[in-house]
């Protein structure tokens, strides 16, 4: 499953973005991450405030012409998604401020 992940916020306020594929995860992590992604509250309204210096994660998946989007605060990230966030930290690219 492919997912676009963008992390914004933190002390520096820098956006980190990557397009990730769960196929890049180890055999045991991939099914857990995919299940956690399926259970996210897709399509809900974007939270207005998440608190100072906190991270905010936007996740987008696309299957065919159907796109799903959700924005979560760092406290809402399920433990099962940690391998995906590790990939973001390892493979993510910093986005310029104009891309936000």
N, C-alpha and C. Protein backbone atom coordinates (compact mmCIF):
# COMPACT_ATOMS: atom_id res chain seq x y z
N UNK A 1 0.86 -1.17 0.00
CA UNK A 1 0.00 0.00 0.00
C UNK A 1 0.90 1.23 0.00
N UNK A 2 0.62 2.16 -0.89
CA UNK A 2 1.39 3.41 -0.95
C UNK A 2 0.64 4.48 -0.16
N UNK A 3 1.42 5.29 0.54
CA UNK A 3 0.85 6.37 1.34
C UNK A 3 1.79 7.57 1.30
N UNK A 4 1.23 8.74 1.09
CA UNK A 4 1.99 9.99 1.21
C UNK A 4 1.87 10.44 2.65
N UNK A 5 3.01 10.71 3.28
CA UNK A 5 3.01 11.15 4.67
C UNK A 5 3.77 12.47 4.75
N UNK A 6 3.15 13.46 5.37
CA UNK A 6 3.80 14.74 5.62
C UNK A 6 3.71 15.04 7.10
N UNK A 7 4.86 15.31 7.69
CA UNK A 7 4.91 15.70 9.11
C UNK A 7 5.24 17.18 9.16
N UNK A 8 4.40 17.93 9.86
CA UNK A 8 4.63 19.36 10.05
C UNK A 8 4.69 19.66 11.54
N UNK A 9 5.31 20.79 11.86
CA UNK A 9 5.33 21.24 13.24
C UNK A 9 6.66 21.00 13.91
N UNK A 10 6.60 20.78 15.22
CA UNK A 10 7.83 20.65 15.98
C UNK A 10 8.41 22.03 16.27
N UNK A 11 9.52 22.06 16.95
CA UNK A 11 10.15 23.32 17.34
C UNK A 11 10.54 24.12 16.11
N UNK A 12 11.11 23.46 15.08
CA UNK A 12 11.57 24.17 13.88
C UNK A 12 10.44 24.45 12.90
N UNK A 13 9.33 23.74 12.99
CA UNK A 13 8.22 23.95 12.09
C UNK A 13 8.49 23.51 10.65
N UNK A 14 9.43 22.60 10.46
CA UNK A 14 9.82 22.14 9.13
C UNK A 14 8.90 21.01 8.68
N UNK A 15 8.53 21.00 7.40
CA UNK A 15 7.70 19.93 6.85
C UNK A 15 8.61 18.84 6.27
N UNK A 16 8.33 17.61 6.62
CA UNK A 16 9.06 16.44 6.12
C UNK A 16 8.06 15.59 5.37
N UNK A 17 8.38 15.23 4.11
CA UNK A 17 7.43 14.52 3.27
C UNK A 17 8.09 13.31 2.62
N UNK A 18 7.31 12.24 2.50
CA UNK A 18 7.77 11.06 1.75
C UNK A 18 6.55 10.31 1.23
N UNK A 19 6.73 9.69 0.08
CA UNK A 19 5.77 8.72 -0.42
C UNK A 19 6.35 7.37 -0.08
N UNK A 20 5.62 6.62 0.73
CA UNK A 20 6.13 5.37 1.27
C UNK A 20 5.26 4.21 0.82
N UNK A 21 5.86 3.05 0.78
CA UNK A 21 5.13 1.84 0.42
C UNK A 21 5.32 0.84 1.55
N UNK A 22 4.22 0.25 2.00
CA UNK A 22 4.34 -0.72 3.09
C UNK A 22 5.17 -1.93 2.67
N UNK A 23 5.38 -2.12 1.39
CA UNK A 23 6.23 -3.21 0.91
C UNK A 23 7.69 -3.00 1.33
N UNK A 24 8.04 -1.77 1.72
CA UNK A 24 9.40 -1.46 2.18
C UNK A 24 9.62 -1.91 3.63
N UNK A 25 8.55 -2.30 4.30
CA UNK A 25 8.65 -2.71 5.70
C UNK A 25 8.99 -4.18 5.81
N UNK A 26 9.43 -4.58 6.99
CA UNK A 26 9.70 -6.00 7.22
C UNK A 26 8.40 -6.79 7.14
N UNK A 27 8.51 -8.07 6.94
CA UNK A 27 7.34 -8.93 6.77
C UNK A 27 6.33 -8.84 7.88
N UNK A 28 6.78 -8.71 9.14
CA UNK A 28 5.81 -8.65 10.25
C UNK A 28 5.22 -7.25 10.42
N UNK A 29 5.95 -6.20 10.04
CA UNK A 29 5.45 -4.84 10.21
C UNK A 29 4.41 -4.47 9.15
N UNK A 30 4.59 -4.94 7.92
CA UNK A 30 3.72 -4.52 6.82
C UNK A 30 2.23 -4.79 7.10
N UNK A 31 1.82 -6.00 7.51
CA UNK A 31 0.39 -6.24 7.75
C UNK A 31 -0.16 -5.40 8.91
N UNK A 32 0.65 -5.17 9.94
CA UNK A 32 0.19 -4.36 11.08
C UNK A 32 -0.02 -2.91 10.65
N UNK A 33 0.92 -2.38 9.86
CA UNK A 33 0.80 -1.00 9.40
C UNK A 33 -0.40 -0.85 8.48
N UNK A 34 -0.57 -1.78 7.56
CA UNK A 34 -1.72 -1.71 6.64
C UNK A 34 -3.05 -1.77 7.39
N UNK A 35 -3.14 -2.60 8.40
CA UNK A 35 -4.35 -2.68 9.21
C UNK A 35 -4.59 -1.37 9.95
N UNK A 36 -3.53 -0.78 10.51
CA UNK A 36 -3.66 0.49 11.23
C UNK A 36 -4.08 1.61 10.27
N UNK A 37 -3.54 1.60 9.05
CA UNK A 37 -3.94 2.60 8.06
C UNK A 37 -5.41 2.47 7.71
N UNK A 38 -5.89 1.26 7.55
CA UNK A 38 -7.31 1.05 7.22
C UNK A 38 -8.22 1.57 8.32
N UNK A 39 -7.76 1.54 9.58
CA UNK A 39 -8.59 1.93 10.72
C UNK A 39 -8.53 3.42 11.06
N UNK A 40 -7.75 4.21 10.32
CA UNK A 40 -7.65 5.64 10.62
C UNK A 40 -8.99 6.33 10.32
N UNK A 41 -9.24 7.47 10.98
CA UNK A 41 -10.51 8.19 10.77
C UNK A 41 -10.47 9.02 9.48
N UNK A 42 -10.40 8.34 8.34
CA UNK A 42 -10.29 8.99 7.03
C UNK A 42 -11.44 9.96 6.81
N UNK A 43 -11.10 11.14 6.27
CA UNK A 43 -12.11 12.11 5.87
C UNK A 43 -12.67 12.97 6.98
N UNK A 44 -12.20 12.81 8.19
CA UNK A 44 -12.74 13.65 9.27
C UNK A 44 -12.19 15.07 9.12
N UNK A 45 -12.83 16.06 9.75
CA UNK A 45 -12.33 17.44 9.67
C UNK A 45 -10.91 17.54 10.26
N UNK A 46 -10.13 18.45 9.71
CA UNK A 46 -8.76 18.67 10.18
C UNK A 46 -8.82 19.34 11.55
N UNK A 47 -8.05 18.81 12.53
CA UNK A 47 -8.03 19.45 13.85
C UNK A 47 -7.53 20.89 13.74
N UNK A 48 -8.17 21.79 14.46
CA UNK A 48 -7.80 23.21 14.39
C UNK A 48 -6.44 23.45 15.04
N UNK A 49 -6.24 22.92 16.22
CA UNK A 49 -4.99 23.15 16.93
C UNK A 49 -4.51 21.84 17.54
N UNK A 50 -3.21 21.63 17.50
CA UNK A 50 -2.66 20.41 18.11
C UNK A 50 -1.71 20.73 19.25
N UNK A 51 -1.48 22.00 19.52
CA UNK A 51 -0.60 22.39 20.61
C UNK A 51 0.74 22.88 20.08
N UNK A 52 1.41 23.72 20.87
CA UNK A 52 2.69 24.28 20.43
C UNK A 52 3.77 23.19 20.34
N UNK A 53 4.59 23.31 19.31
CA UNK A 53 5.75 22.43 19.11
C UNK A 53 5.40 20.96 18.98
N UNK A 54 4.17 20.65 18.64
CA UNK A 54 3.73 19.26 18.45
C UNK A 54 3.77 18.94 16.96
N UNK A 55 3.91 17.66 16.64
CA UNK A 55 3.87 17.24 15.25
C UNK A 55 2.45 16.96 14.81
N UNK A 56 2.21 17.20 13.54
CA UNK A 56 0.93 16.94 12.90
C UNK A 56 1.26 16.13 11.65
N UNK A 57 0.54 15.03 11.45
CA UNK A 57 0.81 14.12 10.34
C UNK A 57 -0.38 14.12 9.38
N UNK A 58 -0.09 14.37 8.11
CA UNK A 58 -1.11 14.24 7.07
C UNK A 58 -0.79 12.97 6.29
N UNK A 59 -1.76 12.10 6.16
CA UNK A 59 -1.59 10.86 5.42
C UNK A 59 -2.62 10.80 4.31
N UNK A 60 -2.14 10.41 3.13
CA UNK A 60 -3.00 10.32 1.94
C UNK A 60 -2.72 8.99 1.26
N UNK A 61 -3.78 8.24 1.01
CA UNK A 61 -3.64 7.02 0.22
C UNK A 61 -4.51 7.18 -1.02
N UNK A 62 -4.10 6.52 -2.08
CA UNK A 62 -4.88 6.55 -3.32
C UNK A 62 -4.99 5.14 -3.86
N UNK A 63 -6.21 4.76 -4.18
CA UNK A 63 -6.47 3.48 -4.82
C UNK A 63 -7.34 3.78 -6.02
N UNK A 64 -6.78 3.60 -7.22
CA UNK A 64 -7.48 3.98 -8.43
C UNK A 64 -7.67 5.48 -8.42
N UNK A 65 -8.89 5.96 -8.60
CA UNK A 65 -9.16 7.39 -8.58
C UNK A 65 -9.74 7.85 -7.25
N UNK A 66 -9.71 6.98 -6.24
CA UNK A 66 -10.25 7.30 -4.91
C UNK A 66 -9.10 7.66 -3.97
N UNK A 67 -9.12 8.90 -3.46
CA UNK A 67 -8.08 9.36 -2.54
C UNK A 67 -8.69 9.54 -1.15
N UNK A 68 -7.94 9.09 -0.14
CA UNK A 68 -8.37 9.28 1.25
C UNK A 68 -7.31 10.11 1.96
N UNK A 69 -7.76 11.02 2.83
CA UNK A 69 -6.85 11.94 3.52
C UNK A 69 -7.26 12.05 4.98
N UNK A 70 -6.26 12.12 5.86
CA UNK A 70 -6.52 12.34 7.28
C UNK A 70 -5.34 13.11 7.86
N UNK A 71 -5.63 13.96 8.84
CA UNK A 71 -4.60 14.69 9.58
C UNK A 71 -4.73 14.29 11.03
N UNK A 72 -3.60 13.87 11.61
CA UNK A 72 -3.57 13.40 13.00
C UNK A 72 -2.51 14.15 13.79
N UNK A 73 -2.79 14.39 15.06
CA UNK A 73 -1.75 14.91 15.94
C UNK A 73 -0.85 13.74 16.34
N UNK A 74 0.33 14.05 16.83
CA UNK A 74 1.26 12.97 17.21
C UNK A 74 0.67 12.06 18.28
N UNK A 75 -0.20 12.57 19.13
CA UNK A 75 -0.79 11.74 20.18
C UNK A 75 -1.85 10.78 19.64
N UNK A 76 -2.30 11.00 18.41
CA UNK A 76 -3.31 10.13 17.81
C UNK A 76 -2.72 9.01 16.96
N UNK A 77 -1.42 9.00 16.78
CA UNK A 77 -0.78 8.00 15.93
C UNK A 77 -0.77 6.65 16.66
N UNK A 78 -1.39 5.62 16.06
CA UNK A 78 -1.37 4.30 16.70
C UNK A 78 0.05 3.72 16.71
N UNK A 79 0.35 2.95 17.74
CA UNK A 79 1.68 2.33 17.84
C UNK A 79 2.03 1.52 16.60
N UNK A 80 1.04 0.91 15.98
CA UNK A 80 1.29 0.08 14.81
C UNK A 80 1.84 0.87 13.62
N UNK A 81 1.68 2.21 13.63
CA UNK A 81 2.20 3.03 12.54
C UNK A 81 3.64 3.49 12.75
N UNK A 82 4.24 3.16 13.88
CA UNK A 82 5.61 3.59 14.14
C UNK A 82 6.61 3.15 13.07
N UNK A 83 6.52 1.93 12.53
CA UNK A 83 7.46 1.57 11.45
C UNK A 83 7.34 2.49 10.24
N UNK A 84 6.13 2.95 9.93
CA UNK A 84 5.93 3.87 8.82
C UNK A 84 6.58 5.22 9.13
N UNK A 85 6.45 5.67 10.36
CA UNK A 85 7.05 6.95 10.74
C UNK A 85 8.57 6.86 10.79
N UNK A 86 9.10 5.70 11.10
CA UNK A 86 10.55 5.49 11.03
C UNK A 86 11.03 5.64 9.59
N UNK A 87 10.27 5.06 8.65
CA UNK A 87 10.62 5.23 7.23
C UNK A 87 10.56 6.70 6.83
N UNK A 88 9.57 7.43 7.33
CA UNK A 88 9.48 8.85 7.03
C UNK A 88 10.73 9.57 7.51
N UNK A 89 11.17 9.26 8.73
CA UNK A 89 12.37 9.89 9.26
C UNK A 89 13.60 9.53 8.44
N UNK A 90 13.67 8.30 7.95
CA UNK A 90 14.83 7.84 7.18
C UNK A 90 14.82 8.33 5.74
N UNK A 91 13.64 8.36 5.12
CA UNK A 91 13.55 8.62 3.68
C UNK A 91 12.92 9.96 3.32
N UNK A 92 12.34 10.64 4.31
CA UNK A 92 11.61 11.87 4.03
C UNK A 92 12.49 12.99 3.52
N UNK A 93 11.88 13.84 2.73
CA UNK A 93 12.55 15.02 2.18
C UNK A 93 11.93 16.26 2.79
N UNK A 94 12.77 17.22 3.14
CA UNK A 94 12.27 18.48 3.70
C UNK A 94 11.61 19.26 2.57
N UNK A 95 10.42 19.75 2.84
CA UNK A 95 9.70 20.56 1.85
C UNK A 95 9.93 22.03 2.14
N UNK A 96 10.09 22.83 1.09
CA UNK A 96 10.20 24.28 1.32
C UNK A 96 8.89 24.83 1.85
N UNK A 97 8.96 25.95 2.54
CA UNK A 97 7.76 26.55 3.14
C UNK A 97 6.68 26.82 2.11
N UNK A 98 7.04 27.11 0.86
CA UNK A 98 6.04 27.42 -0.16
C UNK A 98 5.22 26.18 -0.54
N UNK A 99 5.69 24.97 -0.20
CA UNK A 99 4.97 23.74 -0.54
C UNK A 99 3.91 23.40 0.48
N UNK A 100 3.80 24.16 1.54
CA UNK A 100 2.83 23.83 2.59
C UNK A 100 1.54 24.40 2.30
